[in-house]
C-alpha atoms as a PDB file:
ATOM      1  CA  UNK A   1     183.675  94.640  55.126  1.00  0.00           C
ATOM      2  CA  UNK A   2     188.351  94.094  54.700  1.00  0.00           C
ATOM      3  CA  UNK A   3     189.202  91.885  52.217  1.00  0.00           C
ATOM      4  CA  UNK A   4     192.605  90.415  52.592  1.00  0.00           C
ATOM      5  CA  UNK A   5     194.353  88.585  49.534  1.00  0.00           C
ATOM      6  CA  UNK A   6     197.736  86.156  50.000  1.00  0.00           C
ATOM      7  CA  UNK A   7     199.436  86.563  47.139  1.00  0.00           C
ATOM      8  CA  UNK A   8     202.459  85.057  45.305  1.00  0.00           C
ATOM      9  CA  UNK A   9     203.340  83.602  41.917  1.00  0.00           C
ATOM     10  CA  UNK A  10     205.487  80.829  43.676  1.00  0.00           C
ATOM     11  CA  UNK A  11     203.780  77.810  45.092  1.00  0.00           C
ATOM     12  CA  UNK A  12     204.964  76.587  48.192  1.00  0.00           C
ATOM     13  CA  UNK A  13     205.879  79.422  49.980  1.00  0.00           C
ATOM     14  CA  UNK A  14     202.718  78.977  52.774  1.00  0.00           C
ATOM     15  CA  UNK A  15     199.884  81.101  51.515  1.00  0.00           C
ATOM     16  CA  UNK A  16     197.076  78.465  52.271  1.00  0.00           C
ATOM     17  CA  UNK A  17     198.862  78.041  55.600  1.00  0.00           C
ATOM     18  CA  UNK A  18     198.962  81.571  56.366  1.00  0.00           C
ATOM     19  CA  UNK A  19     195.386  82.641  55.144  1.00  0.00           C
ATOM     20  CA  UNK A  20     193.853  79.872  57.257  1.00  0.00           C
ATOM     21  CA  UNK A  21     195.621  80.709  60.272  1.00  0.00           C
ATOM     22  CA  UNK A  22     194.284  84.239  59.958  1.00  0.00           C
ATOM     23  CA  UNK A  23     190.202  83.020  59.257  1.00  0.00           C
ATOM     24  CA  UNK A  24     190.610  80.813  62.302  1.00  0.00           C
ATOM     25  CA  UNK A  25     192.289  83.315  64.072  1.00  0.00           C
ATOM     26  CA  UNK A  26     189.095  85.915  63.097  1.00  0.00           C
ATOM     27  CA  UNK A  27     186.679  83.615  63.649  1.00  0.00           C
ATOM     28  CA  UNK A  28     188.016  82.197  67.292  1.00  0.00           C
ATOM     29  CA  UNK A  29     187.179  85.245  68.582  1.00  0.00           C
ATOM     30  CA  UNK A  30     183.851  86.674  69.448  1.00  0.00           C
ATOM     31  CA  UNK A  31     182.375  84.380  66.477  1.00  0.00           C
ATOM     32  CA  UNK A  32     183.318  86.769  64.264  1.00  0.00           C
ATOM     33  CA  UNK A  33     181.795  86.078  60.409  1.00  0.00           C
ATOM     34  CA  UNK A  34     184.722  85.080  58.010  1.00  0.00           C
ATOM     35  CA  UNK A  35     184.431  84.279  54.365  1.00  0.00           C
ATOM     36  CA  UNK A  36     187.382  81.972  52.531  1.00  0.00           C
ATOM     37  CA  UNK A  37     187.331  82.100  49.030  1.00  0.00           C
ATOM     38  CA  UNK A  38     190.017  79.260  47.975  1.00  0.00           C
ATOM     39  CA  UNK A  39     190.930  80.232  44.406  1.00  0.00           C
ATOM     40  CA  UNK A  40     193.877  78.103  44.314  1.00  0.00           C
ATOM     41  CA  UNK A  41     193.037  75.268  41.713  1.00  0.00           C
ATOM     42  CA  UNK A  42     194.933  72.393  44.038  1.00  0.00           C
ATOM     43  CA  UNK A  43     191.959  73.470  47.250  1.00  0.00           C
ATOM     44  CA  UNK A  44     193.922  73.506  49.970  1.00  0.00           C
ATOM     45  CA  UNK A  45     191.845  75.302  51.855  1.00  0.00           C
ATOM     46  CA  UNK A  46     188.858  73.286  51.027  1.00  0.00           C
ATOM     47  CA  UNK A  47     190.841  69.907  51.693  1.00  0.00           C
ATOM     48  CA  UNK A  48     191.731  71.270  55.218  1.00  0.00           C
ATOM     49  CA  UNK A  49     187.800  71.728  55.808  1.00  0.00           C
ATOM     50  CA  UNK A  50     187.107  68.374  54.940  1.00  0.00           C
ATOM     51  CA  UNK A  51     188.629  66.917  57.588  1.00  0.00           C
ATOM     52  CA  UNK A  52     186.938  68.406  60.845  1.00  0.00           C
ATOM     53  CA  UNK A  53     183.504  70.807  60.644  1.00  0.00           C
ATOM     54  CA  UNK A  54     183.947  74.324  60.182  1.00  0.00           C
ATOM     55  CA  UNK A  55     182.273  76.612  62.165  1.00  0.00           C
ATOM     56  CA  UNK A  56     178.884  78.194  61.284  1.00  0.00           C
ATOM     57  CA  UNK A  57     180.904  81.472  61.502  1.00  0.00           C
ATOM     58  CA  UNK A  58     183.211  80.488  58.861  1.00  0.00           C
ATOM     59  CA  UNK A  59     182.491  80.561  54.942  1.00  0.00           C
ATOM     60  CA  UNK A  60     183.854  78.572  52.416  1.00  0.00           C
ATOM     61  CA  UNK A  61     184.051  79.238  48.563  1.00  0.00           C
ATOM     62  CA  UNK A  62     185.798  77.402  46.229  1.00  0.00           C
ATOM     63  CA  UNK A  63     183.848  77.346  42.806  1.00  0.00           C
ATOM     64  CA  UNK A  64     185.516  80.325  41.834  1.00  0.00           C
ATOM     65  CA  UNK A  65     186.837  81.587  38.311  1.00  0.00           C
ATOM     66  CA  UNK A  66     188.603  84.644  36.593  1.00  0.00           C
ATOM     67  CA  UNK A  67     185.110  85.537  35.550  1.00  0.00           C
ATOM     68  CA  UNK A  68     182.954  85.151  38.577  1.00  0.00           C
ATOM     69  CA  UNK A  69     186.309  86.551  41.121  1.00  0.00           C
ATOM     70  CA  UNK A  70     185.169  90.118  41.659  1.00  0.00           C
ATOM     71  CA  UNK A  71     181.798  88.861  42.068  1.00  0.00           C
ATOM     72  CA  UNK A  72     182.097  85.778  44.548  1.00  0.00           C
ATOM     73  CA  UNK A  73     184.640  88.863  46.353  1.00  0.00           C
ATOM     74  CA  UNK A  74     181.924  91.478  46.775  1.00  0.00           C
ATOM     75  CA  UNK A  75     179.388  89.447  47.473  1.00  0.00           C
ATOM     76  CA  UNK A  76     181.248  88.234  50.228  1.00  0.00           C
ATOM     77  CA  UNK A  77     182.134  91.254  51.622  1.00  0.00           C
ATOM     78  CA  UNK A  78     178.263  92.533  51.930  1.00  0.00           C
ATOM     79  CA  UNK A  79     177.859  89.169  54.043  1.00  0.00           C
ATOM     80  CA  UNK A  80     180.809  88.735  56.385  1.00  0.00           C
ATOM     81  CA  UNK A  81     182.988  90.896  58.537  1.00  0.00           C
ATOM     82  CA  UNK A  82     186.341  89.584  56.748  1.00  0.00           C
ATOM     83  CA  UNK A  83     186.854  87.799  53.351  1.00  0.00           C
ATOM     84  CA  UNK A  84     189.754  86.648  53.215  1.00  0.00           C
ATOM     85  CA  UNK A  85     191.497  85.002  49.232  1.00  0.00           C
ATOM     86  CA  UNK A  86     193.755  82.076  48.933  1.00  0.00           C
ATOM     87  CA  UNK A  87     195.117  82.766  45.312  1.00  0.00           C
ATOM     88  CA  UNK A  88     196.734  80.590  42.620  1.00  0.00           C
ATOM     89  CA  UNK A  89     200.807  80.405  42.726  1.00  0.00           C
ATOM     90  CA  UNK A  90     200.829  82.273  39.391  1.00  0.00           C
ATOM     91  CA  UNK A  91     200.451  85.828  38.323  1.00  0.00           C
ATOM     92  CA  UNK A  92     197.379  85.482  36.653  1.00  0.00           C
ATOM     93  CA  UNK A  93     193.872  87.530  35.591  1.00  0.00           C
ATOM     94  CA  UNK A  94     192.161  85.882  38.336  1.00  0.00           C
ATOM     95  CA  UNK A  95     195.412  87.232  40.632  1.00  0.00           C
ATOM     96  CA  UNK A  96     194.974  90.978  39.375  1.00  0.00           C
ATOM     97  CA  UNK A  97     191.081  91.202  39.632  1.00  0.00           C
ATOM     98  CA  UNK A  98     191.351  89.749  43.827  1.00  0.00           C
ATOM     99  CA  UNK A  99     194.492  92.180  43.879  1.00  0.00           C
ATOM    100  CA  UNK A 100     191.876  95.087  42.564  1.00  0.00           C
ATOM    101  CA  UNK A 101     189.214  94.182  45.426  1.00  0.00           C
ATOM    102  CA  UNK A 102     192.115  93.918  48.731  1.00  0.00           C
ATOM    103  CA  UNK A 103     192.470  95.960  51.136  1.00  0.00           C
ATOM    104  CA  UNK A 104     195.244  94.197  51.840  1.00  0.00           C
ATOM    105  CA  UNK A 105     197.630  92.278  50.049  1.00  0.00           C
ATOM    106  CA  UNK A 106     200.191  89.522  52.021  1.00  0.00           C
ATOM    107  CA  UNK A 107     202.409  88.374  50.010  1.00  0.00           C
ATOM    108  CA  UNK A 108     204.150  85.032  51.679  1.00  0.00           C
ATOM    109  CA  UNK A 109     207.442  84.222  51.546  1.00  0.00           C
ATOM    110  CA  UNK A 110     210.714  81.908  52.763  1.00  0.00           C
ATOM    111  CA  UNK A 111     213.808  83.738  53.266  1.00  0.00           C
ATOM    112  CA  UNK A 112     215.569  82.907  50.322  1.00  0.00           C
ATOM    113  CA  UNK A 113     217.019  85.117  47.269  1.00  0.00           C
ATOM    114  CA  UNK A 114     214.919  82.716  44.954  1.00  0.00           C
ATOM    115  CA  UNK A 115     211.372  83.546  47.016  1.00  0.00           C
ATOM    116  CA  UNK A 116     212.168  87.258  47.378  1.00  0.00           C
ATOM    117  CA  UNK A 117     212.587  87.301  43.754  1.00  0.00           C
ATOM    118  CA  UNK A 118     209.193  85.682  43.290  1.00  0.00           C
ATOM    119  CA  UNK A 119     207.876  88.213  46.151  1.00  0.00           C
ATOM    120  CA  UNK A 120     209.133  91.363  43.896  1.00  0.00           C
ATOM    121  CA  UNK A 121     206.905  90.030  41.156  1.00  0.00           C
ATOM    122  CA  UNK A 122     204.071  89.877  43.056  1.00  0.00           C
ATOM    123  CA  UNK A 123     204.550  93.905  44.472  1.00  0.00           C
ATOM    124  CA  UNK A 124     205.208  94.466  40.941  1.00  0.00           C
ATOM    125  CA  UNK A 125     201.589  92.959  40.103  1.00  0.00           C
ATOM    126  CA  UNK A 126     199.970  95.053  42.760  1.00  0.00           C
ATOM    127  CA  UNK A 127     201.553  98.097  41.166  1.00  0.00           C
ATOM    128  CA  UNK A 128     200.141  97.266  37.681  1.00  0.00           C
ATOM    129  CA  UNK A 129     196.498  96.996  39.096  1.00  0.00           C
ATOM    130  CA  UNK A 130     196.672  99.785  41.103  1.00  0.00           C
ATOM    131  CA  UNK A 131     197.679 102.360  38.015  1.00  0.00           C
ATOM    132  CA  UNK A 132     194.884 100.271  35.913  1.00  0.00           C
ATOM    133  CA  UNK A 133     192.295 100.663  38.594  1.00  0.00           C
ATOM    134  CA  UNK A 134     193.630 104.008  39.826  1.00  0.00           C
ATOM    135  CA  UNK A 135     194.038 103.766  43.325  1.00  0.00           C
ATOM    136  CA  UNK A 136     196.071 102.632  45.968  1.00  0.00           C
ATOM    137  CA  UNK A 137     196.100  99.076  47.430  1.00  0.00           C
ATOM    138  CA  UNK A 138     198.137  98.690  50.608  1.00  0.00           C
ATOM    139  CA  UNK A 139     200.385  95.609  50.689  1.00  0.00           C
ATOM    140  CA  UNK A 140     202.679  93.548  53.023  1.00  0.00           C
ATOM    141  CA  UNK A 141     205.556  91.042  52.970  1.00  0.00           C
ATOM    142  CA  UNK A 142     204.859  88.322  55.231  1.00  0.00           C
ATOM    143  CA  UNK A 143     208.191  85.796  56.171  1.00  0.00           C
ATOM    144  CA  UNK A 144     207.094  82.247  56.285  1.00  0.00           C
ATOM    145  CA  UNK A 145     208.353  78.932  57.883  1.00  0.00           C
ATOM    146  CA  UNK A 146     210.896  80.858  59.683  1.00  0.00           C
ATOM    147  CA  UNK A 147     212.692  79.492  63.121  1.00  0.00           C
ATOM    148  CA  UNK A 148     211.363  80.885  66.315  1.00  0.00           C
ATOM    149  CA  UNK A 149     215.377  80.866  68.105  1.00  0.00           C
ATOM    150  CA  UNK A 150     217.451  81.990  64.663  1.00  0.00           C
ATOM    151  CA  UNK A 151     217.346  84.491  61.893  1.00  0.00           C
ATOM    152  CA  UNK A 152     219.716  83.526  59.583  1.00  0.00           C
ATOM    153  CA  UNK A 153     222.415  86.040  57.950  1.00  0.00           C
ATOM    154  CA  UNK A 154     220.375  85.429  54.897  1.00  0.00           C
ATOM    155  CA  UNK A 155     216.262  86.570  55.758  1.00  0.00           C
ATOM    156  CA  UNK A 156     218.370  89.537  57.562  1.00  0.00           C
ATOM    157  CA  UNK A 157     219.862  90.397  54.289  1.00  0.00           C
ATOM    158  CA  UNK A 158     216.586  90.499  52.685  1.00  0.00           C
ATOM    159  CA  UNK A 159     214.612  92.002  55.002  1.00  0.00           C
ATOM    160  CA  UNK A 160     217.380  94.542  55.211  1.00  0.00           C
ATOM    161  CA  UNK A 161     217.007  94.910  51.111  1.00  0.00           C
ATOM    162  CA  UNK A 162     212.937  95.297  51.169  1.00  0.00           C
ATOM    163  CA  UNK A 163     212.683  97.918  54.364  1.00  0.00           C
ATOM    164  CA  UNK A 164     215.739  99.900  52.128  1.00  0.00           C
ATOM    165  CA  UNK A 165     213.692  99.793  49.374  1.00  0.00           C
ATOM    166  CA  UNK A 166     210.270 101.230  51.422  1.00  0.00           C
ATOM    167  CA  UNK A 167     208.793  97.548  51.102  1.00  0.00           C
ATOM    168  CA  UNK A 168     206.082  97.287  53.733  1.00  0.00           C
ATOM    169  CA  UNK A 169     207.077  93.999  55.684  1.00  0.00           C
ATOM    170  CA  UNK A 170     205.608  92.508  58.953  1.00  0.00           C
ATOM    171  CA  UNK A 171     206.363  92.689  61.985  1.00  0.00           C
ATOM    172  CA  UNK A 172     205.055  89.208  63.037  1.00  0.00           C
ATOM    173  CA  UNK A 173     206.777  86.063  60.615  1.00  0.00           C
ATOM    174  CA  UNK A 174     205.006  82.730  60.394  1.00  0.00           C
ATOM    175  CA  UNK A 175     207.345  80.541  62.316  1.00  0.00           C
ATOM    176  CA  UNK A 176     208.003  77.010  61.070  1.00  0.00           C
ATOM    177  CA  UNK A 177     205.426  74.967  63.704  1.00  0.00           C
ATOM    178  CA  UNK A 178     204.187  71.514  63.544  1.00  0.00           C
ATOM    179  CA  UNK A 179     200.652  72.137  65.155  1.00  0.00           C
ATOM    180  CA  UNK A 180     199.988  74.230  61.632  1.00  0.00           C
ATOM    181  CA  UNK A 181     200.897  70.975  59.793  1.00  0.00           C
ATOM    182  CA  UNK A 182     198.949  69.262  61.751  1.00  0.00           C
ATOM    183  CA  UNK A 183     195.843  71.604  60.927  1.00  0.00           C
ATOM    184  CA  UNK A 184     195.574  71.078  57.517  1.00  0.00           C
ATOM    185  CA  UNK A 185     196.526  66.695  58.538  1.00  0.00           C
ATOM    186  CA  UNK A 186     193.410  66.989  61.483  1.00  0.00           C
ATOM    187  CA  UNK A 187     191.381  69.911  60.465  1.00  0.00           C
ATOM    188  CA  UNK A 188     189.890  72.306  62.568  1.00  0.00           C
ATOM    189  CA  UNK A 189     192.201  75.249  64.384  1.00  0.00           C
ATOM    190  CA  UNK A 190     194.707  75.430  66.615  1.00  0.00           C
ATOM    191  CA  UNK A 191     192.704  75.456  69.881  1.00  0.00           C
ATOM    192  CA  UNK A 192     191.291  72.015  69.014  1.00  0.00           C
ATOM    193  CA  UNK A 193     194.617  70.134  68.334  1.00  0.00           C
ATOM    194  CA  UNK A 194     195.566  67.798  70.978  1.00  0.00           C
ATOM    195  CA  UNK A 195     198.797  68.015  73.372  1.00  0.00           C
ATOM    196  CA  UNK A 196     199.104  64.833  73.471  1.00  0.00           C
ATOM    197  CA  UNK A 197     199.563  64.695  69.717  1.00  0.00           C
ATOM    198  CA  UNK A 198     201.026  67.891  68.571  1.00  0.00           C
ATOM    199  CA  UNK A 199     204.047  69.853  70.265  1.00  0.00           C
ATOM    200  CA  UNK A 200     204.178  73.408  71.553  1.00  0.00           C
ATOM    201  CA  UNK A 201     200.496  74.232  70.761  1.00  0.00           C
ATOM    202  CA  UNK A 202     200.621  77.458  73.008  1.00  0.00           C
ATOM    203  CA  UNK A 203     203.477  78.642  70.762  1.00  0.00           C
ATOM    204  CA  UNK A 204     201.435  78.518  67.842  1.00  0.00           C
ATOM    205  CA  UNK A 205     198.470  79.598  68.789  1.00  0.00           C
ATOM    206  CA  UNK A 206     200.609  83.297  70.100  1.00  0.00           C
ATOM    207  CA  UNK A 207     202.427  83.437  66.832  1.00  0.00           C
ATOM    208  CA  UNK A 208     198.837  83.030  64.838  1.00  0.00           C
ATOM    209  CA  UNK A 209     197.015  85.747  67.566  1.00  0.00           C
ATOM    210  CA  UNK A 210     200.213  88.210  67.181  1.00  0.00           C
ATOM    211  CA  UNK A 211     199.263  87.316  62.875  1.00  0.00           C
ATOM    212  CA  UNK A 212     196.111  88.151  63.240  1.00  0.00           C
ATOM    213  CA  UNK A 213     196.344  91.467  65.437  1.00  0.00           C
ATOM    214  CA  UNK A 214     199.015  93.352  62.752  1.00  0.00           C
ATOM    215  CA  UNK A 215     196.560  92.267  60.051  1.00  0.00           C
ATOM    216  CA  UNK A 216     194.162  94.283  61.474  1.00  0.00           C
ATOM    217  CA  UNK A 217     196.019  96.981  62.899  1.00  0.00           C
ATOM    218  CA  UNK A 218     197.502  97.480  59.101  1.00  0.00           C
ATOM    219  CA  UNK A 219     194.074  97.311  57.616  1.00  0.00           C
ATOM    220  CA  UNK A 220     192.952 100.275  60.065  1.00  0.00           C
ATOM    221  CA  UNK A 221     197.314 102.195  59.109  1.00  0.00           C
ATOM    222  CA  UNK A 222     197.627 101.981  63.138  1.00  0.00           C
ATOM    223  CA  UNK A 223     201.328 101.159  63.661  1.00  0.00           C
ATOM    224  CA  UNK A 224     201.655  97.108  63.372  1.00  0.00           C
ATOM    225  CA  UNK A 225     204.031  97.031  66.463  1.00  0.00           C
ATOM    226  CA  UNK A 226     201.420  97.651  69.508  1.00  0.00           C
ATOM    227  CA  UNK A 227     200.499  94.794  71.378  1.00  0.00           C
ATOM    228  CA  UNK A 228     196.815  93.870  71.767  1.00  0.00           C
ATOM    229  CA  UNK A 229     194.585  91.518  71.574  1.00  0.00           C
ATOM    230  CA  UNK A 230     192.337  90.013  69.059  1.00  0.00           C
ATOM    231  CA  UNK A 231     189.342  91.016  70.224  1.00  0.00           C
ATOM    232  CA  UNK A 232     190.180  94.500  70.802  1.00  0.00           C
ATOM    233  CA  UNK A 233     192.152  94.888  67.238  1.00  0.00           C
ATOM    234  CA  UNK A 234     188.374  94.083  65.847  1.00  0.00           C
ATOM    235  CA  UNK A 235     186.928  95.950  67.422  1.00  0.00           C
ATOM    236  CA  UNK A 236     188.965  98.792  65.917  1.00  0.00           C
ATOM    237  CA  UNK A 237     187.880  97.595  62.390  1.00  0.00           C
ATOM    238  CA  UNK A 238     184.151  97.855  63.594  1.00  0.00           C
END
């Protein structure tokens, strides 16, 4: 089953947030079995899971190392429909090993030149693993913590530069949302948040769902701009 790896040499770019959003979206529709491998030493995914009950369809593996990461990924892929790997914010051997087993590497980055430079390092690491393992490893840049209403010139410039160099970019961006912070504070998923405590939950759900659909379509090599539900997109992977 597909393995999706979130990687960036820079911490704080939204790897764990994006990984949890994707995992909970996939698990929320049709009871799909999903494994998250929490390979970040800070264990953000494991901390999220402690705040509220995790559904039976969602498994979290936190006890991983450079020596076990490949076995952990391959074992999880035999048991669940999707494997999502949240990696540490460095360019380590563990990151390289995880990339070597990926069906899609997602490289989160914020819209700054500093973050873009770090994203380029992640791309170079993907390509190094392609050479080392003699295989093609699909990847794409995911812009995170963006505004739903404003596209700054800096972000537009970085997007244009990536596209000009034939670097794949997600059409969907993960916006800055109170709801995303809330699930890490309270646990659970977007659908379980209390509208009395958290603002604009429907917009957050729409954003996360669009991201999940685009991930699935990229796994199938389909046009990412095609609109559909998470359920329909998952049926194409099965």
